PDB file of N, CA and C in Angstrom:
ATOM      1  N   MET A   1      -6.153  25.824  -5.803  1.00  0.00           N
ATOM      2  CA  MET A   1      -6.468  24.519  -5.261  1.00  0.00           C
ATOM      3  C   MET A   1      -5.713  24.371  -3.939  1.00  0.00           C
ATOM      4  N   THR A   2      -6.353  23.744  -2.972  1.00  0.00           N
ATOM      5  CA  THR A   2      -5.716  23.534  -1.675  1.00  0.00           C
ATOM      6  C   THR A   2      -5.474  22.050  -1.425  1.00  0.00           C
ATOM      7  N   CYS A   3      -4.498  21.788  -0.590  1.00  0.00           N
ATOM      8  CA  CYS A   3      -4.138  20.412  -0.224  1.00  0.00           C
ATOM      9  C   CYS A   3      -5.294  19.767   0.536  1.00  0.00           C
ATOM     10  N   PRO A   4      -5.703  18.553   0.154  1.00  0.00           N
ATOM     11  CA  PRO A   4      -6.813  17.890   0.847  1.00  0.00           C
ATOM     12  C   PRO A   4      -6.441  17.420   2.261  1.00  0.00           C
ATOM     13  N   ILE A   5      -5.157  17.397   2.589  1.00  0.00           N
ATOM     14  CA  ILE A   5      -4.734  16.947   3.912  1.00  0.00           C
ATOM     15  C   ILE A   5      -4.657  18.106   4.894  1.00  0.00           C
ATOM     16  N   CYS A   6      -3.951  19.192   4.507  1.00  0.00           N
ATOM     17  CA  CYS A   6      -3.731  20.280   5.470  1.00  0.00           C
ATOM     18  C   CYS A   6      -4.357  21.612   5.070  1.00  0.00           C
ATOM     19  N   GLY A   7      -4.792  21.749   3.824  1.00  0.00           N
ATOM     20  CA  GLY A   7      -5.445  22.974   3.395  1.00  0.00           C
ATOM     21  C   GLY A   7      -4.514  24.041   2.840  1.00  0.00           C
ATOM     22  N   LYS A   8      -3.201  23.809   2.801  1.00  0.00           N
ATOM     23  CA  LYS A   8      -2.263  24.783   2.234  1.00  0.00           C
ATOM     24  C   LYS A   8      -2.361  24.771   0.706  1.00  0.00           C
ATOM     25  N   THR A   9      -1.744  25.755   0.063  1.00  0.00           N
ATOM     26  CA  THR A   9      -1.716  25.829  -1.395  1.00  0.00           C
ATOM     27  C   THR A   9      -0.903  24.659  -1.942  1.00  0.00           C
ATOM     28  N   THR A  10      -1.374  24.086  -3.040  1.00  0.00           N
ATOM     29  CA  THR A  10      -0.700  22.912  -3.602  1.00  0.00           C
ATOM     30  C   THR A  10       0.612  23.287  -4.275  1.00  0.00           C
ATOM     31  N   ASP A  11       1.502  22.323  -4.376  1.00  0.00           N
ATOM     32  CA  ASP A  11       2.781  22.461  -5.071  1.00  0.00           C
ATOM     33  C   ASP A  11       2.682  21.619  -6.336  1.00  0.00           C
ATOM     34  N   ALA A  12       3.121  22.163  -7.475  1.00  0.00           N
ATOM     35  CA  ALA A  12       3.010  21.459  -8.755  1.00  0.00           C
ATOM     36  C   ALA A  12       3.718  20.103  -8.725  1.00  0.00           C
ATOM     37  N   ASP A  13       4.802  19.975  -7.955  1.00  0.00           N
ATOM     38  CA  ASP A  13       5.530  18.703  -7.882  1.00  0.00           C
ATOM     39  C   ASP A  13       4.759  17.621  -7.129  1.00  0.00           C
ATOM     40  N   TYR A  14       3.849  18.017  -6.249  1.00  0.00           N
ATOM     41  CA  TYR A  14       3.124  17.045  -5.405  1.00  0.00           C
ATOM     42  C   TYR A  14       1.611  17.124  -5.584  1.00  0.00           C
ATOM     43  N   ARG A  15       1.164  17.800  -6.600  1.00  0.00           N
ATOM     44  CA  ARG A  15      -0.256  18.020  -6.818  1.00  0.00           C
ATOM     45  C   ARG A  15      -1.064  16.747  -6.732  1.00  0.00           C
ATOM     46  N   PRO A  16      -2.140  16.663  -6.037  1.00  0.00           N
ATOM     47  CA  PRO A  16      -2.942  17.723  -5.446  1.00  0.00           C
ATOM     48  C   PRO A  16      -2.523  18.090  -4.023  1.00  0.00           C
ATOM     49  N   PHE A  17      -1.357  17.666  -3.597  1.00  0.00           N
ATOM     50  CA  PHE A  17      -0.890  17.939  -2.235  1.00  0.00           C
ATOM     51  C   PHE A  17       0.078  19.104  -2.224  1.00  0.00           C
ATOM     52  N   CYS A  18       0.411  19.580  -1.021  1.00  0.00           N
ATOM     53  CA  CYS A  18       1.332  20.706  -0.888  1.00  0.00           C
ATOM     54  C   CYS A  18       2.768  20.240  -0.695  1.00  0.00           C
ATOM     55  N   SER A  19       2.955  18.998  -0.274  1.00  0.00           N
ATOM     56  CA  SER A  19       4.303  18.512   0.024  1.00  0.00           C
ATOM     57  C   SER A  19       4.346  16.988  -0.032  1.00  0.00           C
ATOM     58  N   ARG A  20       5.552  16.483   0.031  1.00  0.00           N
ATOM     59  CA  ARG A  20       5.755  15.033   0.070  1.00  0.00           C
ATOM     60  C   ARG A  20       5.121  14.457   1.332  1.00  0.00           C
ATOM     61  N   ARG A  21       5.208  15.195   2.426  1.00  0.00           N
ATOM     62  CA  ARG A  21       4.644  14.742   3.707  1.00  0.00           C
ATOM     63  C   ARG A  21       3.146  14.476   3.584  1.00  0.00           C
ATOM     64  N   CYS A  22       2.407  15.420   3.009  1.00  0.00           N
ATOM     65  CA  CYS A  22       0.957  15.237   2.871  1.00  0.00           C
ATOM     66  C   CYS A  22       0.633  14.116   1.886  1.00  0.00           C
ATOM     67  N   ALA A  23       1.439  13.978   0.832  1.00  0.00           N
ATOM     68  CA  ALA A  23       1.237  12.881  -0.110  1.00  0.00           C
ATOM     69  C   ALA A  23       1.440  11.540   0.592  1.00  0.00           C
ATOM     70  N   ASP A  24       2.457  11.469   1.456  1.00  0.00           N
ATOM     71  CA  ASP A  24       2.714  10.226   2.202  1.00  0.00           C
ATOM     72  C   ASP A  24       1.620   9.936   3.223  1.00  0.00           C
ATOM     73  N   ILE A  25       1.087  10.961   3.843  1.00  0.00           N
ATOM     74  CA  ILE A  25      -0.027  10.769   4.788  1.00  0.00           C
ATOM     75  C   ILE A  25      -1.218  10.169   4.050  1.00  0.00           C
ATOM     76  N   ASP A  26      -1.518  10.703   2.870  1.00  0.00           N
ATOM     77  CA  ASP A  26      -2.632  10.189   2.068  1.00  0.00           C
ATOM     78  C   ASP A  26      -2.392   8.741   1.664  1.00  0.00           C
ATOM     79  N   LEU A  27      -1.174   8.425   1.215  1.00  0.00           N
ATOM     80  CA  LEU A  27      -0.843   7.053   0.843  1.00  0.00           C
ATOM     81  C   LEU A  27      -1.012   6.119   2.039  1.00  0.00           C
ATOM     82  N   GLY A  28      -0.553   6.545   3.200  1.00  0.00           N
ATOM     83  CA  GLY A  28      -0.708   5.735   4.406  1.00  0.00           C
ATOM     84  C   GLY A  28      -2.168   5.456   4.732  1.00  0.00           C
ATOM     85  N   ARG A  29      -3.013   6.423   4.510  1.00  0.00           N
ATOM     86  CA  ARG A  29      -4.456   6.213   4.751  1.00  0.00           C
ATOM     87  C   ARG A  29      -5.034   5.181   3.800  1.00  0.00           C
ATOM     88  N   TRP A  30      -4.590   5.208   2.538  1.00  0.00           N
ATOM     89  CA  TRP A  30      -5.048   4.203   1.585  1.00  0.00           C
ATOM     90  C   TRP A  30      -4.572   2.813   1.987  1.00  0.00           C
ATOM     91  N   LEU A  31      -3.297   2.726   2.373  1.00  0.00           N
ATOM     92  CA  LEU A  31      -2.714   1.420   2.682  1.00  0.00           C
ATOM     93  C   LEU A  31      -3.274   0.797   3.960  1.00  0.00           C
ATOM     94  N   THR A  32      -3.695   1.621   4.907  1.00  0.00           N
ATOM     95  CA  THR A  32      -4.254   1.081   6.150  1.00  0.00           C
ATOM     96  C   THR A  32      -5.759   0.876   6.077  1.00  0.00           C
ATOM     97  N   GLY A  33      -6.377   1.255   4.956  1.00  0.00           N
ATOM     98  CA  GLY A  33      -7.817   1.044   4.794  1.00  0.00           C
ATOM     99  C   GLY A  33      -8.660   2.135   5.412  1.00  0.00           C
ATOM    100  N   SER A  34      -8.081   3.301   5.683  1.00  0.00           N
ATOM    101  CA  SER A  34      -8.857   4.399   6.262  1.00  0.00           C
ATOM    102  C   SER A  34      -9.896   4.941   5.289  1.00  0.00           C
ATOM    103  N   TYR A  35      -9.593   4.885   4.001  1.00  0.00           N
ATOM    104  CA  TYR A  35     -10.540   5.333   2.991  1.00  0.00           C
ATOM    105  C   TYR A  35     -11.377   4.134   2.568  1.00  0.00           C
ATOM    106  N   VAL A  36     -12.653   4.148   2.948  1.00  0.00           N
ATOM    107  CA  VAL A  36     -13.534   3.024   2.650  1.00  0.00           C
ATOM    108  C   VAL A  36     -14.860   3.563   2.134  1.00  0.00           C
ATOM    109  N   ILE A  37     -15.375   2.930   1.109  1.00  0.00           N
ATOM    110  CA  ILE A  37     -16.710   3.268   0.625  1.00  0.00           C
ATOM    111  C   ILE A  37     -17.683   2.352   1.350  1.00  0.00           C
ATOM    112  N   PRO A  38     -18.621   2.916   2.101  1.00  0.00           N
ATOM    113  CA  PRO A  38     -19.552   2.070   2.852  1.00  0.00           C
ATOM    114  C   PRO A  38     -20.403   1.204   1.926  1.00  0.00           C
ATOM    115  N   GLY A  39     -20.664   0.013   2.385  1.00  0.00           N
ATOM    116  CA  GLY A  39     -21.495  -0.905   1.614  1.00  0.00           C
ATOM    117  C   GLY A  39     -21.423  -2.286   2.224  1.00  0.00           C
ATOM    118  N   GLU A  40     -22.139  -3.209   1.627  1.00  0.00           N
ATOM    119  CA  GLU A  40     -22.140  -4.579   2.123  1.00  0.00           C
ATOM    120  C   GLU A  40     -20.826  -5.274   1.763  1.00  0.00           C
ATOM    121  N   ALA A  41     -20.328  -6.044   2.693  1.00  0.00           N
ATOM    122  CA  ALA A  41     -19.098  -6.798   2.442  1.00  0.00           C
ATOM    123  C   ALA A  41     -19.404  -7.947   1.486  1.00  0.00           C
ATOM    124  N   LEU A  42     -18.499  -8.179   0.563  1.00  0.00           N
ATOM    125  CA  LEU A  42     -18.654  -9.275  -0.383  1.00  0.00           C
ATOM    126  C   LEU A  42     -17.817 -10.450   0.072  1.00  0.00           C
ATOM    127  N   GLU A  43     -18.330 -11.652  -0.145  1.00  0.00           N
ATOM    128  CA  GLU A  43     -17.563 -12.848   0.177  1.00  0.00           C
ATOM    129  C   GLU A  43     -16.615 -13.128  -0.975  1.00  0.00           C
ATOM    130  N   GLU A  44     -15.377 -13.429  -0.629  1.00  0.00           N
ATOM    131  CA  GLU A  44     -14.407 -13.766  -1.655  1.00  0.00           C
ATOM    132  C   GLU A  44     -14.231 -15.274  -1.673  1.00  0.00           C
ATOM    133  N   ASP A  45     -14.714 -15.895  -2.732  1.00  0.00           N
ATOM    134  CA  ASP A  45     -14.587 -17.337  -2.875  1.00  0.00           C
ATOM    135  C   ASP A  45     -13.273 -17.655  -3.564  1.00  0.00           C
ATOM    136  N   GLU A  46     -12.612 -18.697  -3.090  1.00  0.00           N
ATOM    137  CA  GLU A  46     -11.411 -19.147  -3.778  1.00  0.00           C
ATOM    138  C   GLU A  46     -11.836 -19.888  -5.033  1.00  0.00           C
ATOM    139  N   PRO A  47     -11.099 -19.714  -6.116  1.00  0.00           N
ATOM    140  CA  PRO A  47     -11.469 -20.448  -7.329  1.00  0.00           C
ATOM    141  C   PRO A  47     -11.343 -21.945  -7.096  1.00  0.00           C
ATOM    142  N   ALA A  48     -12.289 -22.682  -7.622  1.00  0.00           N
ATOM    143  CA  ALA A  48     -12.287 -24.134  -7.440  1.00  0.00           C
ATOM    144  C   ALA A  48     -11.132 -24.746  -8.206  1.00  0.00           C
ATOM    145  N   ARG A  49     -10.445 -25.688  -7.564  1.00  0.00           N
ATOM    146  CA  ARG A  49      -9.366 -26.406  -8.236  1.00  0.00           C
ATOM    147  C   ARG A  49      -9.979 -27.580  -8.974  1.00  0.00           C
ATOM    148  N   PRO A  50      -9.638 -27.748 -10.227  1.00  0.00           N
ATOM    149  CA  PRO A  50     -10.204 -28.884 -10.970  1.00  0.00           C
ATOM    150  C   PRO A  50      -9.657 -30.198 -10.415  1.00  0.00           C
ATOM    151  N   ASP A  51     -10.494 -31.224 -10.443  1.00  0.00           N
ATOM    152  CA  ASP A  51     -10.052 -32.545 -10.004  1.00  0.00           C
ATOM    153  C   ASP A  51      -9.057 -33.094 -11.020  1.00  0.00           C
ATOM    154  N   PRO A  52      -8.019 -33.774 -10.528  1.00  0.00           N
ATOM    155  CA  PRO A  52      -7.065 -34.354 -11.476  1.00  0.00           C
ATOM    156  C   PRO A  52      -7.744 -35.471 -12.266  1.00  0.00           C
ATOM    157  N   PRO A  53      -7.302 -35.713 -13.488  1.00  0.00           N
ATOM    158  CA  PRO A  53      -7.937 -36.769 -14.293  1.00  0.00           C
ATOM    159  C   PRO A  53      -7.695 -38.144 -13.673  1.00  0.00           C
ATOM    160  N   ALA A  54      -8.665 -39.006 -13.809  1.00  0.00           N
ATOM    161  CA  ALA A  54      -8.559 -40.367 -13.266  1.00  0.00           C
ATOM    162  C   ALA A  54      -7.709 -41.220 -14.200  1.00  0.00           C
ATOM    163  N   ASP A  55      -7.017 -42.214 -13.604  1.00  0.00           N
ATOM    164  CA  ASP A  55      -6.223 -43.130 -14.443  1.00  0.00           C
ATOM    165  C   ASP A  55      -7.153 -44.205 -15.022  1.00  0.00           C
ATOM    166  N   GLU A  56      -6.605 -45.180 -15.684  1.00  0.00           N
ATOM    167  CA  GLU A  56      -7.421 -46.214 -16.335  1.00  0.00           C
ATOM    168  C   GLU A  56      -8.237 -47.019 -15.351  1.00  0.00           C
ATOM    169  N   ALA A  57      -7.775 -47.161 -14.112  1.00  0.00           N
ATOM    170  CA  ALA A  57      -8.513 -47.925 -13.108  1.00  0.00           C
ATOM    171  C   ALA A  57      -9.619 -47.083 -12.480  1.00  0.00           C
ATOM    172  N   GLY A  58      -9.701 -45.804 -12.878  1.00  0.00           N
ATOM    173  CA  GLY A  58     -10.764 -44.953 -12.342  1.00  0.00           C
ATOM    174  C   GLY A  58     -10.365 -44.249 -11.059  1.00  0.00           C
ATOM    175  N   GLU A  59      -9.099 -44.387 -10.647  1.00  0.00           N
ATOM    176  CA  GLU A  59      -8.657 -43.727  -9.431  1.00  0.00           C
ATOM    177  C   GLU A  59      -7.905 -42.450  -9.780  1.00  0.00           C
ATOM    178  N   ALA A  60      -8.125 -41.445  -8.973  1.00  0.00           N
ATOM    179  CA  ALA A  60      -7.398 -40.183  -9.169  1.00  0.00           C
ATOM    180  C   ALA A  60      -5.971 -40.380  -8.690  1.00  0.00           C
ATOM    181  N   PRO A  61      -5.000 -39.778  -9.362  1.00  0.00           N
ATOM    182  CA  PRO A  61      -3.614 -39.911  -8.915  1.00  0.00           C
ATOM    183  C   PRO A  61      -3.426 -39.285  -7.542  1.00  0.00           C
ATOM    184  N   ARG A  62      -2.524 -39.850  -6.766  1.00  0.00           N
ATOM    185  CA  ARG A  62      -2.256 -39.327  -5.429  1.00  0.00           C
ATOM    186  C   ARG A  62      -1.393 -38.086  -5.561  1.00  0.00           C
ATOM    187  N   ARG A  63      -1.706 -37.111  -4.693  1.00  0.00           N
ATOM    188  CA  ARG A  63      -0.926 -35.883  -4.691  1.00  0.00           C
ATOM    189  C   ARG A  63       0.247 -36.017  -3.743  1.00  0.00           C
ATOM    190  N   LYS A  64       1.355 -35.454  -4.144  1.00  0.00           N
ATOM    191  CA  LYS A  64       2.533 -35.457  -3.277  1.00  0.00           C
ATOM    192  C   LYS A  64       2.353 -34.437  -2.179  1.00  0.00           C
ATOM    193  N   PRO A  65       2.812 -34.735  -0.951  1.00  0.00           N
ATOM    194  CA  PRO A  65       2.713 -33.727   0.117  1.00  0.00           C
ATOM    195  C   PRO A  65       3.651 -32.564  -0.177  1.00  0.00           C
ATOM    196  N   HIS A  66       3.345 -31.420   0.361  1.00  0.00           N
ATOM    197  CA  HIS A  66       4.161 -30.221   0.132  1.00  0.00           C
ATOM    198  C   HIS A  66       5.418 -30.265   0.920  1.00  0.00           C
TER     199      HIS A  66
END
């Protein structure tokens, strides 16, 4: 088996890579988004926050500012 980064023979300690350096290069590619599966972008909706319960007068309680 050869290292997917540089093509050298793999080392059992870093398999499927040949060294820590190549393993770190691969990790960096994942973290920066270099490895992407092409496709349509999905919209990420924020989950809806439930409305606070109304008091006896029918008014929602006021929220404290942050």
